[in-house]
């Protein structure tokens, strides 16, 4: 997505400010040593998305399944950082 448009960047910033997904919130908390204040587009881009991408690309299906269940966010976080 092209973030050069002010409208697009504004929508992305508002969405990041209102994160409600427990998994994404937990990933932000676990990366709090890198993400100093509220997460920004760059924080999500460099610290959160690579962890999610790694889970999707590596491992067996049984290891990936908890990642998709929002209620088991902590278990998914454990899987992400065990690799």
N, C-alpha and C. Protein backbone atom coordinates (compact mmCIF):
# COMPACT_ATOMS: atom_id res chain seq x y z
N UNK A 1 0.84 -1.17 0.00
CA UNK A 1 0.00 0.00 0.00
C UNK A 1 0.89 1.24 0.00
N UNK A 2 0.53 2.17 -0.81
CA UNK A 2 1.30 3.40 -0.95
C UNK A 2 0.96 4.36 0.19
N UNK A 3 1.92 4.63 1.04
CA UNK A 3 1.69 5.50 2.20
C UNK A 3 2.04 6.96 1.91
N UNK A 4 2.35 7.28 0.67
CA UNK A 4 2.64 8.67 0.34
C UNK A 4 1.40 9.53 0.35
N UNK A 5 0.25 8.91 0.16
CA UNK A 5 -1.01 9.66 0.20
C UNK A 5 -1.34 9.97 1.66
N UNK A 6 -1.64 11.22 1.94
CA UNK A 6 -1.95 11.63 3.32
C UNK A 6 -3.19 10.93 3.85
N UNK A 7 -4.17 10.70 2.97
CA UNK A 7 -5.39 10.04 3.41
C UNK A 7 -5.13 8.61 3.84
N UNK A 8 -4.33 7.89 3.04
CA UNK A 8 -4.00 6.51 3.36
C UNK A 8 -3.21 6.42 4.65
N UNK A 9 -2.23 7.30 4.82
CA UNK A 9 -1.43 7.31 6.04
C UNK A 9 -2.29 7.63 7.26
N UNK A 10 -3.22 8.54 7.10
CA UNK A 10 -4.12 8.91 8.20
C UNK A 10 -4.97 7.71 8.62
N UNK A 11 -5.52 7.00 7.65
CA UNK A 11 -6.34 5.83 7.96
C UNK A 11 -5.50 4.75 8.66
N UNK A 12 -4.28 4.52 8.17
CA UNK A 12 -3.40 3.53 8.79
C UNK A 12 -3.04 3.94 10.22
N UNK A 13 -2.72 5.20 10.43
CA UNK A 13 -2.38 5.68 11.78
C UNK A 13 -3.55 5.52 12.74
N UNK A 14 -4.75 5.84 12.28
CA UNK A 14 -5.94 5.69 13.14
C UNK A 14 -6.18 4.21 13.46
N UNK A 15 -6.00 3.35 12.48
CA UNK A 15 -6.19 1.92 12.71
C UNK A 15 -5.18 1.37 13.70
N UNK A 16 -3.94 1.79 13.60
CA UNK A 16 -2.91 1.34 14.53
C UNK A 16 -3.19 1.86 15.94
N UNK A 17 -3.72 3.06 16.04
CA UNK A 17 -4.04 3.63 17.35
C UNK A 17 -5.19 2.88 18.03
N UNK A 18 -6.01 2.20 17.24
CA UNK A 18 -7.18 1.51 17.78
C UNK A 18 -7.07 -0.02 17.67
N UNK A 19 -5.86 -0.56 17.80
CA UNK A 19 -5.67 -2.01 17.68
C UNK A 19 -6.49 -2.71 18.75
N UNK A 20 -7.30 -3.69 18.31
CA UNK A 20 -8.12 -4.44 19.26
C UNK A 20 -7.80 -5.94 19.24
N UNK A 21 -6.99 -6.39 18.31
CA UNK A 21 -6.64 -7.80 18.20
C UNK A 21 -5.68 -8.16 19.34
N UNK A 22 -6.04 -9.14 20.18
CA UNK A 22 -5.18 -9.50 21.32
C UNK A 22 -3.80 -9.99 20.91
N UNK A 23 -3.71 -10.68 19.79
CA UNK A 23 -2.41 -11.17 19.33
C UNK A 23 -1.49 -10.01 18.95
N UNK A 24 -2.02 -9.06 18.20
CA UNK A 24 -1.21 -7.90 17.81
C UNK A 24 -0.82 -7.08 19.04
N UNK A 25 -1.75 -6.92 19.97
CA UNK A 25 -1.43 -6.19 21.21
C UNK A 25 -0.31 -6.89 21.97
N UNK A 26 -0.39 -8.22 22.06
CA UNK A 26 0.64 -8.98 22.79
C UNK A 26 1.99 -8.87 22.09
N UNK A 27 2.00 -8.92 20.77
CA UNK A 27 3.25 -8.76 20.04
C UNK A 27 3.85 -7.37 20.29
N UNK A 28 3.01 -6.36 20.34
CA UNK A 28 3.50 -5.00 20.64
C UNK A 28 4.08 -4.93 22.04
N UNK A 29 3.42 -5.58 23.00
CA UNK A 29 3.92 -5.59 24.38
C UNK A 29 5.25 -6.33 24.47
N UNK A 30 5.37 -7.45 23.77
CA UNK A 30 6.61 -8.21 23.83
C UNK A 30 7.76 -7.51 23.12
N UNK A 31 7.44 -6.60 22.23
CA UNK A 31 8.47 -5.82 21.55
C UNK A 31 8.58 -4.42 22.13
N UNK A 32 8.13 -4.24 23.35
CA UNK A 32 8.12 -2.90 23.96
C UNK A 32 9.52 -2.32 24.13
N UNK A 33 10.54 -3.18 24.16
CA UNK A 33 11.90 -2.66 24.25
C UNK A 33 12.33 -2.01 22.94
N UNK A 34 11.66 -2.36 21.84
CA UNK A 34 11.94 -1.74 20.54
C UNK A 34 10.91 -0.65 20.22
N UNK A 35 9.67 -0.89 20.64
CA UNK A 35 8.58 0.06 20.40
C UNK A 35 8.44 0.90 21.67
N UNK A 36 8.95 2.09 21.66
CA UNK A 36 9.03 2.90 22.88
C UNK A 36 7.69 3.45 23.33
N UNK A 37 6.91 3.99 22.43
CA UNK A 37 5.61 4.58 22.80
C UNK A 37 4.52 3.80 22.08
N UNK A 38 3.46 4.48 21.69
CA UNK A 38 2.43 3.82 20.89
C UNK A 38 3.04 3.36 19.57
N UNK A 39 2.61 2.19 19.08
CA UNK A 39 3.20 1.71 17.82
C UNK A 39 2.90 2.63 16.64
N UNK A 40 3.85 2.68 15.73
CA UNK A 40 3.70 3.47 14.51
C UNK A 40 3.65 2.50 13.32
N UNK A 41 3.46 3.04 12.15
CA UNK A 41 3.47 2.22 10.94
C UNK A 41 4.79 1.48 10.82
N UNK A 42 5.89 2.17 11.08
CA UNK A 42 7.22 1.55 10.97
C UNK A 42 7.43 0.47 12.02
N UNK A 43 6.92 0.66 13.22
CA UNK A 43 7.03 -0.36 14.27
C UNK A 43 6.32 -1.64 13.84
N UNK A 44 5.11 -1.50 13.32
CA UNK A 44 4.36 -2.65 12.85
C UNK A 44 5.10 -3.31 11.69
N UNK A 45 5.62 -2.50 10.79
CA UNK A 45 6.30 -2.98 9.60
C UNK A 45 7.58 -3.76 9.94
N UNK A 46 8.34 -3.31 10.90
CA UNK A 46 9.64 -3.91 11.16
C UNK A 46 9.67 -4.90 12.32
N UNK A 47 8.72 -4.86 13.24
CA UNK A 47 8.78 -5.73 14.42
C UNK A 47 7.62 -6.72 14.52
N UNK A 48 6.45 -6.37 14.03
CA UNK A 48 5.28 -7.22 14.19
C UNK A 48 5.08 -8.11 12.95
N UNK A 49 5.07 -7.52 11.79
CA UNK A 49 4.81 -8.27 10.55
C UNK A 49 5.85 -9.37 10.32
N UNK A 50 7.16 -9.16 10.54
CA UNK A 50 8.11 -10.26 10.33
C UNK A 50 7.85 -11.47 11.23
N UNK A 51 7.39 -11.25 12.46
CA UNK A 51 7.09 -12.36 13.35
C UNK A 51 5.91 -13.16 12.82
N UNK A 52 4.88 -12.47 12.35
CA UNK A 52 3.71 -13.14 11.78
C UNK A 52 4.11 -13.88 10.51
N UNK A 53 4.92 -13.25 9.68
CA UNK A 53 5.37 -13.87 8.43
C UNK A 53 6.19 -15.13 8.73
N UNK A 54 7.01 -15.11 9.74
CA UNK A 54 7.83 -16.28 10.08
C UNK A 54 6.96 -17.46 10.48
N UNK A 55 5.91 -17.22 11.23
CA UNK A 55 5.02 -18.30 11.63
C UNK A 55 4.32 -18.89 10.42
N UNK A 56 3.92 -18.05 9.50
CA UNK A 56 3.20 -18.52 8.32
C UNK A 56 4.13 -19.34 7.42
N UNK A 57 5.37 -18.92 7.28
CA UNK A 57 6.27 -19.58 6.34
C UNK A 57 6.95 -20.83 6.90
N UNK A 58 7.15 -20.90 8.19
CA UNK A 58 7.91 -21.99 8.77
C UNK A 58 7.03 -22.87 9.65
N UNK A 59 7.49 -24.04 9.90
CA UNK A 59 6.81 -24.92 10.84
C UNK A 59 5.72 -25.77 10.20
N UNK A 60 5.18 -26.64 11.03
CA UNK A 60 4.13 -27.56 10.60
C UNK A 60 2.76 -26.93 10.85
N UNK A 61 1.75 -27.52 10.23
CA UNK A 61 0.40 -27.01 10.36
C UNK A 61 -0.05 -27.00 11.82
N UNK A 62 0.33 -28.00 12.58
CA UNK A 62 -0.05 -28.07 14.00
C UNK A 62 0.55 -26.91 14.79
N UNK A 63 1.71 -26.43 14.39
CA UNK A 63 2.34 -25.30 15.06
C UNK A 63 1.68 -23.99 14.67
N UNK A 64 1.11 -23.93 13.48
CA UNK A 64 0.50 -22.70 12.98
C UNK A 64 -0.93 -22.51 13.49
N UNK A 65 -1.62 -23.61 13.78
CA UNK A 65 -3.03 -23.52 14.13
C UNK A 65 -3.33 -22.59 15.30
N UNK A 66 -2.60 -22.65 16.42
CA UNK A 66 -2.93 -21.73 17.53
C UNK A 66 -2.78 -20.26 17.15
N UNK A 67 -1.95 -19.98 16.18
CA UNK A 67 -1.72 -18.61 15.75
C UNK A 67 -3.00 -17.96 15.25
N UNK A 68 -3.88 -18.76 14.65
CA UNK A 68 -5.09 -18.21 14.05
C UNK A 68 -6.24 -18.10 15.02
N UNK A 69 -6.09 -18.65 16.21
CA UNK A 69 -7.15 -18.56 17.21
C UNK A 69 -6.86 -17.38 18.12
N UNK A 70 -7.68 -16.37 18.04
CA UNK A 70 -7.46 -15.13 18.79
C UNK A 70 -7.46 -15.40 20.29
N UNK A 71 -8.28 -16.33 20.76
CA UNK A 71 -8.37 -16.61 22.19
C UNK A 71 -7.11 -17.27 22.74
N UNK A 72 -6.30 -17.85 21.89
CA UNK A 72 -5.07 -18.48 22.36
C UNK A 72 -3.86 -17.65 21.95
N UNK A 73 -3.97 -16.34 22.07
CA UNK A 73 -2.91 -15.44 21.66
C UNK A 73 -1.59 -15.70 22.35
N UNK A 74 -1.60 -16.00 23.64
CA UNK A 74 -0.34 -16.25 24.36
C UNK A 74 0.36 -17.49 23.83
N UNK A 75 -0.40 -18.52 23.52
CA UNK A 75 0.20 -19.74 22.97
C UNK A 75 0.84 -19.43 21.62
N UNK A 76 0.18 -18.63 20.81
CA UNK A 76 0.72 -18.26 19.51
C UNK A 76 1.99 -17.44 19.67
N UNK A 77 2.02 -16.55 20.64
CA UNK A 77 3.21 -15.74 20.89
C UNK A 77 4.38 -16.66 21.26
N UNK A 78 4.12 -17.65 22.07
CA UNK A 78 5.16 -18.60 22.45
C UNK A 78 5.71 -19.29 21.21
N UNK A 79 4.84 -19.70 20.31
CA UNK A 79 5.29 -20.34 19.09
C UNK A 79 6.13 -19.41 18.23
N UNK A 80 5.75 -18.15 18.18
CA UNK A 80 6.50 -17.20 17.35
C UNK A 80 7.92 -17.04 17.86
N UNK A 81 8.09 -16.92 19.14
CA UNK A 81 9.41 -16.60 19.68
C UNK A 81 10.22 -17.83 20.10
N UNK A 82 9.64 -19.04 19.96
CA UNK A 82 10.41 -20.25 20.22
C UNK A 82 11.29 -20.60 19.03
N UNK A 83 10.89 -20.18 17.85
CA UNK A 83 11.63 -20.55 16.62
C UNK A 83 12.97 -19.88 16.55
